Amino acid sequence: MRKLLMAAVMAMMSTPVVAAPLCDDLGFAGLLAKCNRGETIKLTLASGQPLGEDVQLQSGAYYKLEITADGSAELAVEGASFFRAIWMNEIVINSIEIRPMAIDSIEFDKAGVAELSFIAIKPGRHELRIPGSTGDAQSVTLSIQ
């Protein structure tokens, strides 16, 4: 019985774990294929306003995160745990594409929009928050399944 159990455990350990994309035929674009894209996540940076709503993401799927600052205050959004749980494709600011290795936060000194495109990778609960804030409305939880 013990040998059978050990054989089953070894078989599970040797089986690769694969993220499930949103579509079956990814084609040439791979995980960046249009059929693998989830809904755009929208966050708003505004003085005294909620940041956004909690979101559930699927590992292996492609998403866009749109952060809009209204310019009412100098605000940032931080979330090292989240930014390390994704593969960042690019950040677009004023039609300028940035392909970063990693980021910890994005700060807006005045009104503007930043769009991040990424693939969710590491399962878990990750938080994006306005630094120094304590209110529940000043953060969002992004859960990667």
Protein backbone atom coordinates (compact mmCIF):
# COMPACT_ATOMS: atom_id res chain seq x y z
CA MET A 1 0.00 0.00 0.00
CA ARG A 2 2.81 2.38 0.91
CA LYS A 3 4.58 1.72 -2.41
CA LEU A 4 1.34 2.42 -4.28
CA LEU A 5 0.90 5.71 -2.43
CA MET A 6 4.51 6.72 -3.13
CA ALA A 7 4.07 5.87 -6.82
CA ALA A 8 0.93 8.06 -7.00
CA VAL A 9 2.70 10.97 -5.29
CA MET A 10 5.70 10.66 -7.65
CA ALA A 11 3.40 10.59 -10.69
CA MET A 12 1.66 13.78 -9.54
CA MET A 13 5.00 15.50 -8.91
CA SER A 14 6.26 14.68 -12.40
CA THR A 15 3.11 15.95 -14.12
CA PRO A 16 3.58 19.56 -15.21
CA VAL A 17 1.10 22.10 -13.89
CA VAL A 18 -0.35 24.12 -16.76
CA ALA A 19 -2.32 27.36 -16.56
CA ALA A 20 -5.65 27.12 -18.35
CA PRO A 21 -6.03 29.85 -20.97
CA LEU A 22 -9.48 31.21 -21.78
CA CYS A 23 -9.55 29.64 -25.27
CA ASP A 24 -8.48 26.40 -26.93
CA ASP A 25 -6.92 27.73 -30.15
CA LEU A 26 -4.31 30.30 -29.15
CA GLY A 27 -2.72 30.38 -32.60
CA PHE A 28 0.40 32.30 -33.50
CA ALA A 29 -0.08 34.96 -30.78
CA GLY A 30 0.02 32.37 -27.98
CA LEU A 31 -1.23 33.61 -24.61
CA LEU A 32 -1.58 37.14 -26.05
CA ALA A 33 -4.28 35.90 -28.47
CA LYS A 34 -7.49 37.94 -28.57
CA CYS A 35 -9.57 34.94 -27.45
CA ASN A 36 -7.44 34.67 -24.26
CA ARG A 37 -8.24 38.21 -23.05
CA GLY A 38 -10.26 38.82 -19.92
CA GLU A 39 -12.28 41.93 -19.13
CA THR A 40 -10.37 45.20 -18.72
CA ILE A 41 -9.85 46.09 -15.05
CA LYS A 42 -10.53 49.79 -14.36
CA LEU A 43 -9.18 51.70 -11.37
CA THR A 44 -9.73 55.39 -10.59
CA LEU A 45 -7.30 57.51 -8.60
CA ALA A 46 -9.31 60.42 -7.18
CA SER A 47 -9.11 62.16 -3.83
CA GLY A 48 -11.63 60.62 -1.42
CA GLN A 49 -13.06 58.22 -4.01
CA PRO A 50 -12.99 54.39 -4.03
CA LEU A 51 -10.12 52.89 -6.02
CA GLY A 52 -12.24 50.19 -7.67
CA GLU A 53 -13.82 46.79 -7.11
CA ASP A 54 -12.18 43.49 -6.20
CA VAL A 55 -11.42 41.30 -9.22
CA GLN A 56 -10.98 37.59 -9.85
CA LEU A 57 -8.43 36.64 -12.55
CA GLN A 58 -7.56 33.35 -14.20
CA SER A 59 -3.95 32.22 -14.29
CA GLY A 60 -2.74 32.04 -17.88
CA ALA A 61 -5.18 34.68 -19.15
CA TYR A 62 -4.28 38.07 -20.64
CA TYR A 63 -5.68 41.24 -19.04
CA LYS A 64 -5.48 45.02 -19.26
CA LEU A 65 -5.44 47.22 -16.17
CA GLU A 66 -6.50 50.80 -16.87
CA ILE A 67 -5.61 53.31 -14.15
CA THR A 68 -7.19 56.75 -14.54
CA ALA A 69 -6.16 59.67 -12.32
CA ASP A 70 -8.48 62.68 -12.24
CA GLY A 71 -5.76 65.08 -11.05
CA SER A 72 -7.56 66.00 -7.81
CA ALA A 73 -4.46 64.98 -5.81
CA GLU A 74 -1.00 63.54 -6.32
CA LEU A 75 -1.77 59.82 -5.89
CA ALA A 76 -0.10 56.49 -6.52
CA VAL A 77 -1.06 52.85 -6.56
CA GLU A 78 1.30 50.22 -5.17
CA GLY A 79 1.22 46.44 -5.00
CA ALA A 80 4.54 44.64 -5.13
CA SER A 81 2.88 41.27 -4.46
CA PHE A 82 0.56 41.68 -7.44
CA PHE A 83 3.25 43.01 -9.78
CA ARG A 84 5.43 39.98 -8.96
CA ALA A 85 2.56 37.55 -9.60
CA ILE A 86 2.10 38.60 -13.23
CA TRP A 87 4.10 38.73 -16.44
CA MET A 88 4.01 42.36 -17.55
CA ASN A 89 3.70 42.82 -21.32
CA GLU A 90 3.75 46.61 -21.37
CA ILE A 91 2.70 49.86 -19.76
CA VAL A 92 1.28 52.51 -22.10
CA ILE A 93 1.34 56.17 -21.04
CA ASN A 94 0.50 58.91 -23.58
CA SER A 95 0.95 56.41 -26.45
CA ILE A 96 4.45 55.57 -25.19
CA GLU A 97 4.95 51.82 -24.69
CA ILE A 98 7.18 50.76 -21.81
CA ARG A 99 8.24 47.12 -21.40
CA PRO A 100 9.39 46.86 -17.78
CA MET A 101 11.05 43.97 -15.99
CA ALA A 102 9.20 44.83 -12.76
CA ILE A 103 7.51 47.69 -10.95
CA ASP A 104 6.38 48.38 -7.39
CA SER A 105 4.10 51.36 -7.95
CA ILE A 106 2.80 53.97 -10.39
CA GLU A 107 2.37 57.59 -9.29
CA PHE A 108 0.31 60.29 -10.98
CA ASP A 109 1.27 63.93 -10.34
CA LYS A 110 -1.64 65.17 -12.47
CA ALA A 111 -4.56 63.79 -14.48
CA GLY A 112 -3.74 60.97 -16.87
CA VAL A 113 -4.22 57.34 -17.86
CA ALA A 114 -1.81 54.40 -17.65
CA GLU A 115 -2.71 51.09 -19.24
CA LEU A 116 -0.89 47.92 -18.17
CA SER A 117 -1.25 44.69 -20.12
CA PHE A 118 -0.23 41.46 -18.44
CA ILE A 119 -0.73 37.74 -18.05
CA ALA A 120 -1.84 36.56 -14.60
CA ILE A 121 0.58 33.87 -13.40
CA LYS A 122 0.88 33.18 -9.66
CA PRO A 123 -2.33 32.13 -7.88
CA GLY A 124 -3.23 33.93 -4.68
CA ARG A 125 -4.78 37.11 -3.30
CA HIS A 126 -2.90 40.29 -4.14
CA GLU A 127 -3.66 43.87 -3.19
CA LEU A 128 -3.27 47.16 -5.02
CA ARG A 129 -3.49 50.11 -2.63
CA ILE A 130 -3.04 53.85 -2.47
CA PRO A 131 0.14 54.20 -0.35
CA GLY A 132 -0.40 55.48 3.18
CA SER A 133 -4.17 54.99 3.05
CA THR A 134 -6.05 52.83 5.54
CA GLY A 135 -9.61 52.73 4.20
CA ASP A 136 -11.03 49.62 2.55
CA ALA A 137 -12.17 51.70 -0.43
CA GLN A 138 -8.54 52.76 -1.04
CA SER A 139 -7.49 49.25 -2.10
CA VAL A 140 -8.61 46.46 -4.40
CA THR A 141 -7.91 42.76 -4.14
CA LEU A 142 -6.97 40.87 -7.29
CA SER A 143 -7.36 37.13 -6.79
CA ILE A 144 -5.59 34.91 -9.29
CA GLN A 145 -7.14 31.43 -9.59
